[in-house]
Amino acid sequence: MALREVLKWPDVARIVLVDLDKTVVNLARRQPFLVKANAGAYTDSRVEVMQGDAFTVVPGLNEEFDVMIADFPDPDREAIAKLYAQGFYQRLLSRLAPNGVFVTQASSPFFAPKAFACVVATLDSVGLKTYPYVVDVPSFGLWGFVLATRSPLRPDQLVLPISTRFLNEPTLHNLFQLPKDIQLGNVEINRLAQPVIVRYQADPRWAAYD
């Protein structure tokens, strides 16, 4: 469905989707309910699908991208924590266009607030300007994301040139205003050799989610 939404933008020329699980991709391509839900996104000629681990595949691509969207699983073990590590973000920079935008999911700022803050701090550490934001996802609750750029962003100048079901421009202009109860800082950088985010993700608040 994220692919469906990206394809709505008229200036999108090419999309490279990297996924580890071939079975999931095939299901999204062929299962009638999912095909209807994603509006047949995989049949669009602008879409190229690559199977593999994003940790090695993406830095090895021979092109730059204006937008990079990372929707990885929560960093609850070391094998996944590498996708939120300083070293990985540094490798991604070579694939991000000078005026490009990177955005990643960043766990729950309520159930794992330090994991959320850690993603922000780690992206800060590679020299990017970070713009964390939260969205209320009905199936998950309050969820965190971080948008990052090389140059400062002016949220009040952002425009929305496509039709959306929920987002409007006033909301977009205030998207990066975090509630007072969400505090950043006071966390370590997540590194390949020291995946501290796994500990932050294991916050005991998750017990309330179960």
N, C-alpha and C. Protein backbone atom coordinates (compact mmCIF):
# COMPACT_ATOMS: atom_id res chain seq x y z
N MET A 1 0.82 -1.21 0.00
CA MET A 1 0.00 0.00 0.00
C MET A 1 0.86 1.27 0.00
N ALA A 2 2.03 1.19 0.60
CA ALA A 2 2.95 2.33 0.52
C ALA A 2 3.36 2.58 -0.92
N LEU A 3 3.59 1.50 -1.65
CA LEU A 3 3.92 1.61 -3.07
C LEU A 3 2.78 2.28 -3.83
N ARG A 4 1.57 1.91 -3.52
CA ARG A 4 0.39 2.52 -4.15
C ARG A 4 0.39 4.03 -3.93
N GLU A 5 0.70 4.46 -2.72
CA GLU A 5 0.67 5.89 -2.40
C GLU A 5 1.79 6.65 -3.11
N VAL A 6 2.98 6.05 -3.19
CA VAL A 6 4.10 6.71 -3.86
C VAL A 6 3.79 6.91 -5.34
N LEU A 7 3.13 5.94 -5.93
CA LEU A 7 2.82 6.01 -7.36
C LEU A 7 1.81 7.11 -7.69
N LYS A 8 1.15 7.68 -6.70
CA LYS A 8 0.21 8.77 -6.94
C LYS A 8 0.93 10.06 -7.34
N TRP A 9 2.19 10.17 -6.98
CA TRP A 9 2.92 11.42 -7.26
C TRP A 9 3.29 11.47 -8.73
N PRO A 10 2.86 12.50 -9.46
CA PRO A 10 3.03 12.53 -10.92
C PRO A 10 4.48 12.61 -11.38
N ASP A 11 5.39 13.11 -10.54
CA ASP A 11 6.78 13.26 -10.98
C ASP A 11 7.64 12.05 -10.64
N VAL A 12 7.04 10.97 -10.15
CA VAL A 12 7.80 9.75 -9.87
C VAL A 12 8.13 9.07 -11.19
N ALA A 13 9.41 8.91 -11.46
CA ALA A 13 9.85 8.29 -12.71
C ALA A 13 10.20 6.82 -12.53
N ARG A 14 10.72 6.46 -11.35
CA ARG A 14 11.17 5.08 -11.14
C ARG A 14 11.16 4.76 -9.66
N ILE A 15 10.77 3.55 -9.34
CA ILE A 15 10.78 3.08 -7.96
C ILE A 15 11.52 1.75 -7.91
N VAL A 16 12.47 1.64 -7.00
CA VAL A 16 13.14 0.36 -6.74
C VAL A 16 12.70 -0.10 -5.36
N LEU A 17 12.00 -1.21 -5.31
CA LEU A 17 11.53 -1.77 -4.05
C LEU A 17 12.41 -2.96 -3.68
N VAL A 18 13.02 -2.90 -2.51
CA VAL A 18 13.89 -3.98 -2.04
C VAL A 18 13.20 -4.69 -0.89
N ASP A 19 13.02 -5.98 -1.03
CA ASP A 19 12.35 -6.77 0.01
C ASP A 19 13.06 -8.10 0.18
N LEU A 20 13.20 -8.50 1.42
CA LEU A 20 13.90 -9.75 1.74
C LEU A 20 13.06 -10.98 1.42
N ASP A 21 11.73 -10.83 1.55
CA ASP A 21 10.83 -11.99 1.49
C ASP A 21 10.10 -12.06 0.14
N LYS A 22 10.55 -12.93 -0.72
CA LYS A 22 9.96 -13.09 -2.05
C LYS A 22 8.51 -13.54 -1.96
N THR A 23 8.19 -14.36 -0.96
CA THR A 23 6.84 -14.89 -0.82
C THR A 23 5.84 -13.77 -0.52
N VAL A 24 6.22 -12.85 0.33
CA VAL A 24 5.34 -11.73 0.66
C VAL A 24 5.08 -10.87 -0.57
N VAL A 25 6.13 -10.61 -1.34
CA VAL A 25 5.97 -9.80 -2.55
C VAL A 25 5.05 -10.50 -3.54
N ASN A 26 5.25 -11.80 -3.73
CA ASN A 26 4.39 -12.55 -4.66
C ASN A 26 2.94 -12.55 -4.19
N LEU A 27 2.74 -12.61 -2.88
CA LEU A 27 1.38 -12.56 -2.34
C LEU A 27 0.73 -11.22 -2.67
N ALA A 28 1.48 -10.15 -2.50
CA ALA A 28 0.95 -8.82 -2.80
C ALA A 28 0.69 -8.63 -4.29
N ARG A 29 1.42 -9.36 -5.11
CA ARG A 29 1.24 -9.27 -6.56
C ARG A 29 0.03 -10.05 -7.05
N ARG A 30 -0.30 -11.16 -6.35
CA ARG A 30 -1.25 -12.13 -6.92
C ARG A 30 -2.53 -12.33 -6.12
N GLN A 31 -2.48 -12.15 -4.81
CA GLN A 31 -3.66 -12.40 -3.99
C GLN A 31 -4.72 -11.34 -4.30
N PRO A 32 -5.91 -11.73 -4.75
CA PRO A 32 -6.90 -10.77 -5.24
C PRO A 32 -7.22 -9.64 -4.27
N PHE A 33 -7.40 -9.95 -3.00
CA PHE A 33 -7.73 -8.90 -2.03
C PHE A 33 -6.60 -7.88 -1.93
N LEU A 34 -5.35 -8.38 -1.88
CA LEU A 34 -4.20 -7.48 -1.75
C LEU A 34 -3.97 -6.69 -3.04
N VAL A 35 -4.18 -7.31 -4.18
CA VAL A 35 -4.04 -6.61 -5.45
C VAL A 35 -5.04 -5.45 -5.53
N LYS A 36 -6.25 -5.71 -5.06
CA LYS A 36 -7.25 -4.64 -5.04
C LYS A 36 -6.84 -3.53 -4.07
N ALA A 37 -6.34 -3.95 -2.89
CA ALA A 37 -5.95 -2.97 -1.88
C ALA A 37 -4.77 -2.11 -2.34
N ASN A 38 -3.82 -2.71 -3.05
CA ASN A 38 -2.67 -1.91 -3.50
C ASN A 38 -2.85 -1.34 -4.90
N ALA A 39 -4.07 -1.46 -5.44
CA ALA A 39 -4.42 -0.90 -6.76
C ALA A 39 -3.50 -1.40 -7.87
N GLY A 40 -3.09 -2.67 -7.76
CA GLY A 40 -2.24 -3.26 -8.78
C GLY A 40 -0.90 -2.57 -8.93
N ALA A 41 -0.36 -2.08 -7.82
CA ALA A 41 0.86 -1.27 -7.87
C ALA A 41 2.03 -2.00 -8.52
N TYR A 42 2.08 -3.31 -8.36
CA TYR A 42 3.24 -4.05 -8.88
C TYR A 42 3.22 -4.19 -10.40
N THR A 43 2.11 -3.85 -11.03
CA THR A 43 2.04 -3.93 -12.50
C THR A 43 2.49 -2.63 -13.15
N ASP A 44 2.73 -1.61 -12.36
CA ASP A 44 3.17 -0.32 -12.90
C ASP A 44 4.57 -0.45 -13.49
N SER A 45 4.78 0.05 -14.68
CA SER A 45 6.07 -0.10 -15.37
C SER A 45 7.20 0.66 -14.68
N ARG A 46 6.86 1.57 -13.77
CA ARG A 46 7.90 2.33 -13.07
C ARG A 46 8.50 1.56 -11.90
N VAL A 47 7.93 0.41 -11.57
CA VAL A 47 8.33 -0.34 -10.38
C VAL A 47 9.28 -1.47 -10.74
N GLU A 48 10.42 -1.50 -10.06
CA GLU A 48 11.36 -2.62 -10.16
C GLU A 48 11.51 -3.24 -8.78
N VAL A 49 11.35 -4.54 -8.69
CA VAL A 49 11.45 -5.24 -7.41
C VAL A 49 12.77 -5.99 -7.36
N MET A 50 13.49 -5.80 -6.26
CA MET A 50 14.74 -6.53 -6.04
C MET A 50 14.62 -7.32 -4.75
N GLN A 51 14.96 -8.58 -4.80
CA GLN A 51 14.92 -9.40 -3.59
C GLN A 51 16.29 -9.41 -2.94
N GLY A 52 16.31 -9.22 -1.64
CA GLY A 52 17.57 -9.27 -0.92
C GLY A 52 17.52 -8.46 0.36
N ASP A 53 18.61 -8.50 1.09
CA ASP A 53 18.76 -7.78 2.34
C ASP A 53 19.11 -6.32 2.03
N ALA A 54 18.27 -5.40 2.46
CA ALA A 54 18.51 -3.98 2.18
C ALA A 54 19.86 -3.51 2.70
N PHE A 55 20.37 -4.15 3.73
CA PHE A 55 21.65 -3.77 4.32
C PHE A 55 22.78 -3.84 3.30
N THR A 56 22.72 -4.84 2.41
CA THR A 56 23.76 -4.98 1.39
C THR A 56 23.31 -4.51 0.02
N VAL A 57 22.02 -4.67 -0.29
CA VAL A 57 21.54 -4.35 -1.64
C VAL A 57 21.52 -2.85 -1.89
N VAL A 58 20.95 -2.08 -0.99
CA VAL A 58 20.76 -0.65 -1.25
C VAL A 58 22.08 0.11 -1.39
N PRO A 59 23.04 -0.05 -0.47
CA PRO A 59 24.30 0.67 -0.66
C PRO A 59 25.04 0.27 -1.94
N GLY A 60 24.74 -0.90 -2.48
CA GLY A 60 25.41 -1.38 -3.68
C GLY A 60 24.76 -0.94 -4.98
N LEU A 61 23.64 -0.23 -4.92
CA LEU A 61 22.98 0.24 -6.13
C LEU A 61 23.82 1.32 -6.81
N ASN A 62 23.74 1.38 -8.14
CA ASN A 62 24.58 2.31 -8.90
C ASN A 62 23.83 3.56 -9.33
N GLU A 63 23.04 4.12 -8.43
CA GLU A 63 22.30 5.34 -8.75
C GLU A 63 21.93 6.07 -7.46
N GLU A 64 21.54 7.32 -7.61
CA GLU A 64 21.08 8.11 -6.48
C GLU A 64 19.56 8.21 -6.52
N PHE A 65 18.98 8.39 -5.35
CA PHE A 65 17.53 8.46 -5.23
C PHE A 65 17.12 9.76 -4.57
N ASP A 66 16.03 10.34 -5.07
CA ASP A 66 15.51 11.57 -4.48
C ASP A 66 14.78 11.29 -3.17
N VAL A 67 14.21 10.11 -3.06
CA VAL A 67 13.48 9.71 -1.85
C VAL A 67 13.85 8.28 -1.51
N MET A 68 14.15 8.04 -0.24
CA MET A 68 14.40 6.69 0.25
C MET A 68 13.48 6.45 1.44
N ILE A 69 12.68 5.40 1.36
CA ILE A 69 11.71 5.07 2.41
C ILE A 69 12.09 3.73 3.02
N ALA A 70 12.34 3.72 4.32
CA ALA A 70 12.72 2.49 5.02
C ALA A 70 11.58 2.05 5.94
N ASP A 71 11.01 0.91 5.64
CA ASP A 71 9.93 0.37 6.48
C ASP A 71 10.38 -1.00 6.99
N PHE A 72 11.36 -0.96 7.90
CA PHE A 72 11.92 -2.20 8.43
C PHE A 72 11.15 -2.66 9.67
N PRO A 73 11.28 -3.94 10.03
CA PRO A 73 10.68 -4.40 11.29
C PRO A 73 11.29 -3.66 12.48
N ASP A 74 10.61 -3.72 13.60
CA ASP A 74 11.14 -3.08 14.81
C ASP A 74 12.49 -3.69 15.19
N PRO A 75 13.41 -2.87 15.70
CA PRO A 75 14.77 -3.33 16.02
C PRO A 75 14.84 -4.09 17.34
N ASP A 76 14.18 -5.23 17.40
CA ASP A 76 14.12 -5.98 18.65
C ASP A 76 15.18 -7.08 18.75
N ARG A 77 16.05 -7.18 17.75
CA ARG A 77 17.18 -8.12 17.80
C ARG A 77 18.30 -7.57 16.92
N GLU A 78 19.50 -8.08 17.15
CA GLU A 78 20.68 -7.51 16.51
C GLU A 78 20.63 -7.61 14.98
N ALA A 79 20.05 -8.68 14.46
CA ALA A 79 19.99 -8.85 13.01
C ALA A 79 19.22 -7.73 12.33
N ILE A 80 18.26 -7.14 13.04
CA ILE A 80 17.47 -6.04 12.49
C ILE A 80 18.04 -4.70 12.93
N ALA A 81 18.66 -4.66 14.10
CA ALA A 81 19.22 -3.40 14.62
C ALA A 81 20.25 -2.80 13.66
N LYS A 82 20.90 -3.65 12.85
CA LYS A 82 21.89 -3.14 11.90
C LYS A 82 21.26 -2.18 10.89
N LEU A 83 19.95 -2.33 10.64
CA LEU A 83 19.25 -1.47 9.68
C LEU A 83 18.92 -0.09 10.25
N TYR A 84 19.24 0.09 11.53
CA TYR A 84 19.05 1.38 12.19
C TYR A 84 20.38 1.92 12.72
N ALA A 85 21.48 1.35 12.23
CA ALA A 85 22.80 1.67 12.77
C ALA A 85 23.47 2.82 12.03
N GLN A 86 24.35 3.49 12.74
CA GLN A 86 25.10 4.61 12.16
C GLN A 86 25.84 4.19 10.89
N GLY A 87 26.48 3.02 10.92
CA GLY A 87 27.23 2.55 9.77
C GLY A 87 26.36 2.34 8.54
N PHE A 88 25.16 1.83 8.75
CA PHE A 88 24.25 1.63 7.63
C PHE A 88 23.78 2.97 7.07
N TYR A 89 23.43 3.90 7.95
CA TYR A 89 23.00 5.21 7.49
C TYR A 89 24.11 5.91 6.71
N GLN A 90 25.36 5.75 7.15
CA GLN A 90 26.48 6.36 6.42
C GLN A 90 26.60 5.77 5.02
N ARG A 91 26.36 4.49 4.89
CA ARG A 91 26.43 3.84 3.57
C ARG A 91 25.28 4.29 2.68
N LEU A 92 24.12 4.57 3.27
CA LEU A 92 22.98 5.02 2.49
C LEU A 92 23.19 6.41 1.89
N LEU A 93 23.99 7.22 2.57
CA LEU A 93 24.19 8.60 2.11
C LEU A 93 24.74 8.67 0.68
N SER A 94 25.53 7.67 0.30
CA SER A 94 26.08 7.69 -1.05
C SER A 94 25.02 7.44 -2.12
N ARG A 95 23.88 6.95 -1.71
CA ARG A 95 22.79 6.66 -2.64
C ARG A 95 21.70 7.74 -2.59
N LEU A 96 21.82 8.68 -1.65
CA LEU A 96 20.81 9.73 -1.49
C LEU A 96 21.24 10.97 -2.28
N ALA A 97 20.36 11.45 -3.15
CA ALA A 97 20.65 12.64 -3.96
C ALA A 97 20.92 13.85 -3.05
N PRO A 98 21.67 14.86 -3.53
CA PRO A 98 22.01 16.01 -2.69
C PRO A 98 20.81 16.67 -2.03
N ASN A 99 19.69 16.76 -2.73
CA ASN A 99 18.48 17.34 -2.16
C ASN A 99 17.47 16.27 -1.77
N GLY A 100 17.97 15.05 -1.57
CA GLY A 100 17.08 13.93 -1.30
C GLY A 100 16.53 13.89 0.12
N VAL A 101 15.53 13.05 0.29
CA VAL A 101 14.85 12.88 1.57
C VAL A 101 14.87 11.41 1.95
N PHE A 102 15.24 11.14 3.18
CA PHE A 102 15.20 9.78 3.73
C PHE A 102 14.17 9.76 4.85
N VAL A 103 13.36 8.71 4.90
CA VAL A 103 12.40 8.59 5.99
C VAL A 103 12.35 7.14 6.46
N THR A 104 12.26 6.95 7.75
CA THR A 104 12.22 5.60 8.31
C THR A 104 11.17 5.49 9.41
N GLN A 105 10.59 4.32 9.54
CA GLN A 105 9.76 4.06 10.71
C GLN A 105 10.69 3.98 11.91
N ALA A 106 10.20 4.34 13.08
CA ALA A 106 11.09 4.47 14.24
C ALA A 106 10.45 3.96 15.52
N SER A 107 9.65 2.92 15.42
CA SER A 107 9.02 2.27 16.57
C SER A 107 7.99 3.19 17.26
N SER A 108 7.57 2.78 18.42
CA SER A 108 6.52 3.51 19.13
C SER A 108 7.11 4.49 20.13
N PRO A 109 6.83 5.78 19.99
CA PRO A 109 7.34 6.75 20.95
C PRO A 109 6.67 6.64 22.32
N PHE A 110 5.60 5.85 22.39
CA PHE A 110 4.95 5.63 23.69
C PHE A 110 5.49 4.37 24.37
N PHE A 111 5.51 3.24 23.63
CA PHE A 111 5.94 1.98 24.23
C PHE A 111 7.47 1.83 24.25
N ALA A 112 8.16 2.48 23.33
CA ALA A 112 9.62 2.39 23.28
C ALA A 112 10.21 3.77 22.99
N PRO A 113 10.03 4.73 23.90
CA PRO A 113 10.43 6.11 23.64
C PRO A 113 11.93 6.27 23.38
N LYS A 114 12.75 5.47 24.04
CA LYS A 114 14.19 5.60 23.82
C LYS A 114 14.61 5.03 22.47
N ALA A 115 13.90 4.02 21.99
CA ALA A 115 14.19 3.50 20.64
C ALA A 115 13.90 4.59 19.61
N PHE A 116 12.80 5.29 19.78
CA PHE A 116 12.43 6.39 18.89
C PHE A 116 13.50 7.47 18.92
N ALA A 117 13.90 7.86 20.14
CA ALA A 117 14.92 8.90 20.30
C ALA A 117 16.26 8.44 19.74
N CYS A 118 16.55 7.15 19.83
CA CYS A 118 17.81 6.60 19.34
C CYS A 118 17.91 6.71 17.82
N VAL A 119 16.81 6.46 17.12
CA VAL A 119 16.81 6.60 15.67
C VAL A 119 17.11 8.05 15.28
N VAL A 120 16.50 8.98 15.99
CA VAL A 120 16.74 10.40 15.73
C VAL A 120 18.21 10.74 15.96
N ALA A 121 18.74 10.32 17.11
CA ALA A 121 20.13 10.64 17.46
C ALA A 121 21.11 10.00 16.48
N THR A 122 20.81 8.79 16.03
CA THR A 122 21.73 8.10 15.12
C THR A 122 21.74 8.77 13.75
N LEU A 123 20.60 9.20 13.27
CA LEU A 123 20.57 9.95 12.00
C LEU A 123 21.25 11.31 12.15
N ASP A 124 21.08 11.94 13.31
CA ASP A 124 21.79 13.19 13.58
C ASP A 124 23.30 12.98 13.49
N SER A 125 23.77 11.85 13.97
CA SER A 125 25.20 11.59 14.07
C SER A 125 25.89 11.46 12.73
N VAL A 126 25.14 11.22 11.65
CA VAL A 126 25.76 11.13 10.32
C VAL A 126 25.63 12.44 9.55
N GLY A 127 25.20 13.50 10.23
CA GLY A 127 25.17 14.83 9.65
C GLY A 127 23.88 15.21 8.97
N LEU A 128 22.83 14.44 9.18
CA LEU A 128 21.54 14.77 8.56
C LEU A 128 20.72 15.66 9.48
N LYS A 129 19.86 16.47 8.87
CA LYS A 129 18.88 17.24 9.62
C LYS A 129 17.67 16.33 9.84
N THR A 130 17.24 16.20 11.07
CA THR A 130 16.17 15.24 11.37
C THR A 130 14.87 15.94 11.75
N TYR A 131 13.78 15.31 11.31
CA TYR A 131 12.44 15.83 11.56
C TYR A 131 11.56 14.67 12.02
N PRO A 132 11.60 14.35 13.33
CA PRO A 132 10.77 13.26 13.84
C PRO A 132 9.31 13.67 13.90
N TYR A 133 8.43 12.70 13.69
CA TYR A 133 7.00 12.97 13.78
C TYR A 133 6.27 11.71 14.21
N VAL A 134 5.06 11.89 14.66
CA VAL A 134 4.25 10.76 15.14
C VAL A 134 2.90 10.77 14.43
N VAL A 135 2.37 9.57 14.24
CA VAL A 135 1.09 9.40 13.58
C VAL A 135 0.30 8.35 14.36
N ASP A 136 -0.98 8.57 14.50
CA ASP A 136 -1.83 7.59 15.17
C ASP A 136 -2.29 6.55 14.15
N VAL A 137 -1.70 5.36 14.23
CA VAL A 137 -2.06 4.26 13.33
C VAL A 137 -3.08 3.39 14.05
N PRO A 138 -4.31 3.25 13.51
CA PRO A 138 -5.37 2.53 14.24
C PRO A 138 -4.97 1.15 14.73
N SER A 139 -4.21 0.40 13.93
CA SER A 139 -3.85 -0.96 14.33
C SER A 139 -2.66 -1.02 15.27
N PHE A 140 -1.88 0.06 15.37
CA PHE A 140 -0.67 0.07 16.19
C PHE A 140 -0.72 1.06 17.34
N GLY A 141 -1.51 2.11 17.21
CA GLY A 141 -1.48 3.20 18.17
C GLY A 141 -0.53 4.30 17.69
N LEU A 142 -0.03 5.08 18.63
CA LEU A 142 0.88 6.18 18.29
C LEU A 142 2.20 5.61 17.76
N TRP A 143 2.60 6.03 16.57
CA TRP A 143 3.81 5.46 15.96
C TRP A 143 4.74 6.55 15.49
N GLY A 144 6.04 6.26 15.56
CA GLY A 144 7.04 7.25 15.25
C GLY A 144 7.72 7.04 13.91
N PHE A 145 8.08 8.14 13.29
CA PHE A 145 8.82 8.15 12.03
C PHE A 145 9.85 9.27 12.10
N VAL A 146 10.90 9.15 11.31
CA VAL A 146 11.88 10.23 11.24
C VAL A 146 12.18 10.52 9.78
N LEU A 147 12.01 11.76 9.39
CA LEU A 147 12.39 12.25 8.08
C LEU A 147 13.73 12.94 8.22
N ALA A 148 14.64 12.73 7.26
CA ALA A 148 15.98 13.31 7.37
C ALA A 148 16.43 13.84 6.01
N THR A 149 17.13 14.98 6.04
CA THR A 149 17.63 15.62 4.81
C THR A 149 19.03 16.17 5.09
N ARG A 150 19.75 16.46 4.01
CA ARG A 150 21.06 17.09 4.17
C ARG A 150 20.92 18.58 4.49
N SER A 151 19.94 19.22 3.88
CA SER A 151 19.72 20.65 4.06
C SER A 151 18.47 20.89 4.89
N PRO A 152 18.40 22.01 5.60
CA PRO A 152 17.22 22.30 6.42
C PRO A 152 15.94 22.31 5.60
N LEU A 153 14.87 21.86 6.22
CA LEU A 153 13.56 21.78 5.58
C LEU A 153 12.66 22.86 6.16
N ARG A 154 11.80 23.44 5.32
CA ARG A 154 10.82 24.42 5.79
C ARG A 154 9.44 23.77 5.76
N PRO A 155 9.01 23.17 6.87
CA PRO A 155 7.71 22.49 6.88
C PRO A 155 6.55 23.39 6.48
N ASP A 156 6.63 24.69 6.82
CA ASP A 156 5.53 25.60 6.51
C ASP A 156 5.41 25.88 5.02
N GLN A 157 6.41 25.45 4.23
CA GLN A 157 6.37 25.67 2.79
C GLN A 157 6.06 24.39 2.01
N LEU A 158 5.83 23.31 2.71
CA LEU A 158 5.52 22.06 2.03
C LEU A 158 4.14 22.13 1.39
N VAL A 159 4.03 21.53 0.22
CA VAL A 159 2.74 21.50 -0.48
C VAL A 159 2.33 20.04 -0.70
N LEU A 160 1.06 19.84 -0.95
CA LEU A 160 0.51 18.51 -1.13
C LEU A 160 -0.19 18.46 -2.49
N PRO A 161 0.54 18.07 -3.55
CA PRO A 161 -0.02 18.15 -4.90
C PRO A 161 -0.87 16.96 -5.31
N ILE A 162 -1.15 16.07 -4.40
CA ILE A 162 -1.98 14.90 -4.72
C ILE A 162 -3.17 14.84 -3.78
N SER A 163 -4.17 14.09 -4.17
CA SER A 163 -5.35 13.91 -3.33
C SER A 163 -5.09 12.81 -2.30
N THR A 164 -5.34 13.11 -1.04
CA THR A 164 -5.14 12.13 0.03
C THR A 164 -6.41 12.01 0.86
N ARG A 165 -6.53 10.88 1.51
CA ARG A 165 -7.74 10.62 2.29
C ARG A 165 -7.72 11.32 3.65
N PHE A 166 -6.54 11.40 4.26
CA PHE A 166 -6.46 11.94 5.62
C PHE A 166 -5.60 13.20 5.73
N LEU A 167 -4.46 13.21 5.08
CA LEU A 167 -3.52 14.31 5.24
C LEU A 167 -3.96 15.55 4.48
N ASN A 168 -3.84 16.70 5.14
CA ASN A 168 -4.08 17.98 4.46
C ASN A 168 -2.89 18.90 4.75
N GLU A 169 -2.83 20.04 4.08
CA GLU A 169 -1.65 20.89 4.20
C GLU A 169 -1.47 21.49 5.60
N PRO A 170 -2.53 21.94 6.29
CA PRO A 170 -2.32 22.42 7.66
C PRO A 170 -1.71 21.36 8.57
N THR A 171 -2.16 20.11 8.43
CA THR A 171 -1.57 19.03 9.23
C THR A 171 -0.12 18.82 8.83
N LEU A 172 0.16 18.85 7.53
CA LEU A 172 1.52 18.67 7.04
C LEU A 172 2.46 19.74 7.59
N HIS A 173 1.99 20.97 7.65
CA HIS A 173 2.84 22.07 8.12
C HIS A 173 3.17 21.96 9.61
N ASN A 174 2.33 21.25 10.34
CA ASN A 174 2.56 21.10 11.78
C ASN A 174 2.96 19.68 12.17
N LEU A 175 3.27 18.88 11.17
CA LEU A 175 3.53 17.46 11.40
C LEU A 175 4.69 17.22 12.36
N PHE A 176 5.70 18.09 12.32
CA PHE A 176 6.91 17.86 13.09
C PHE A 176 6.89 18.52 14.47
N GLN A 177 5.72 18.94 14.91
CA GLN A 177 5.57 19.47 16.26
C GLN A 177 5.23 18.31 17.19
N LEU A 178 6.20 17.86 17.97
CA LEU A 178 5.98 16.71 18.84
C LEU A 178 5.23 17.11 20.11
N PRO A 179 4.38 16.22 20.63
CA PRO A 179 3.73 16.48 21.91
C PRO A 179 4.75 16.63 23.03
N LYS A 180 4.39 17.34 24.09
CA LYS A 180 5.33 17.62 25.17
C LYS A 180 5.81 16.36 25.88
N ASP A 181 5.01 15.30 25.86
CA ASP A 181 5.41 14.09 26.59
C ASP A 181 6.41 13.24 25.82
N ILE A 182 6.74 13.61 24.60
CA ILE A 182 7.74 12.88 23.82
C ILE A 182 9.05 13.66 23.89
N GLN A 183 10.00 13.10 24.61
CA GLN A 183 11.28 13.77 24.83
C GLN A 183 12.39 13.05 24.08
N LEU A 184 13.22 13.82 23.37
CA LEU A 184 14.35 13.25 22.65
C LEU A 184 15.63 13.44 23.46
N GLY A 185 16.70 12.81 23.01
CA GLY A 185 17.97 12.94 23.71
C GLY A 185 18.14 11.89 24.79
N ASN A 186 19.26 11.97 25.52
CA ASN A 186 19.59 11.06 26.62
C ASN A 186 19.64 9.60 26.16
N VAL A 187 20.16 9.39 24.94
CA VAL A 187 20.32 8.04 24.41
C VAL A 187 21.69 7.93 23.73
N GLU A 188 22.15 6.70 23.57
CA GLU A 188 23.39 6.45 22.86
C GLU A 188 23.11 6.28 21.36
N ILE A 189 24.17 6.44 20.57
CA ILE A 189 24.08 6.20 19.13
C ILE A 189 24.02 4.70 18.89
N ASN A 190 23.16 4.26 17.99
CA ASN A 190 23.10 2.84 17.65
C ASN A 190 24.19 2.53 16.61
N ARG A 191 25.12 1.66 16.97
CA ARG A 191 26.23 1.32 16.10
C ARG A 191 26.20 -0.16 15.75
N LEU A 192 26.84 -0.51 14.65
CA LEU A 192 26.89 -1.91 14.24
C LEU A 192 27.53 -2.77 15.31
N ALA A 193 28.57 -2.24 15.95
CA ALA A 193 29.28 -3.00 16.99
C ALA A 193 28.59 -2.92 18.35
N GLN A 194 27.72 -1.93 18.52
CA GLN A 194 27.02 -1.74 19.79
C GLN A 194 25.55 -1.42 19.51
N PRO A 195 24.74 -2.44 19.26
CA PRO A 195 23.33 -2.23 18.91
C PRO A 195 22.46 -1.91 20.13
N VAL A 196 22.66 -0.73 20.69
CA VAL A 196 21.95 -0.35 21.91
C VAL A 196 20.45 -0.25 21.70
N ILE A 197 20.03 -0.07 20.45
CA ILE A 197 18.60 0.11 20.18
C ILE A 197 17.79 -1.13 20.55
N VAL A 198 18.43 -2.30 20.55
CA VAL A 198 17.74 -3.53 20.94
C VAL A 198 17.28 -3.41 22.40
N ARG A 199 18.16 -2.88 23.23
CA ARG A 199 17.82 -2.68 24.65
C ARG A 199 16.72 -1.63 24.79
N TYR A 200 16.81 -0.57 24.03
CA TYR A 200 15.78 0.47 24.09
C TYR A 200 14.42 -0.05 23.61
N GLN A 201 14.45 -0.89 22.59
CA GLN A 201 13.21 -1.44 22.06
C GLN A 201 12.52 -2.37 23.07
N ALA A 202 13.31 -2.99 23.93
CA ALA A 202 12.76 -3.94 24.92
C ALA A 202 12.23 -3.22 26.15
N ASP A 203 11.66 -2.06 25.99
CA ASP A 203 11.12 -1.29 27.09
C ASP A 203 9.96 -2.05 27.74
N PRO A 204 9.93 -2.10 29.08
CA PRO A 204 8.84 -2.83 29.76
C PRO A 204 7.45 -2.27 29.51
N ARG A 205 7.36 -1.07 28.94
CA ARG A 205 6.03 -0.53 28.64
C ARG A 205 5.25 -1.43 27.65
N TRP A 206 6.00 -2.24 26.85
CA TRP A 206 5.33 -3.10 25.89
C TRP A 206 4.37 -4.07 26.57
N ALA A 207 4.57 -4.34 27.84
CA ALA A 207 3.67 -5.25 28.56
C ALA A 207 2.24 -4.73 28.53
N ALA A 208 2.09 -3.42 28.51
CA ALA A 208 0.75 -2.83 28.46
C ALA A 208 0.09 -3.04 27.10
N TYR A 209 0.92 -3.23 26.06
CA TYR A 209 0.40 -3.43 24.70
C TYR A 209 -0.23 -4.82 24.58
N ASP A 210 0.35 -5.80 25.26
CA ASP A 210 -0.16 -7.17 25.21
C ASP A 210 -1.49 -7.30 25.95
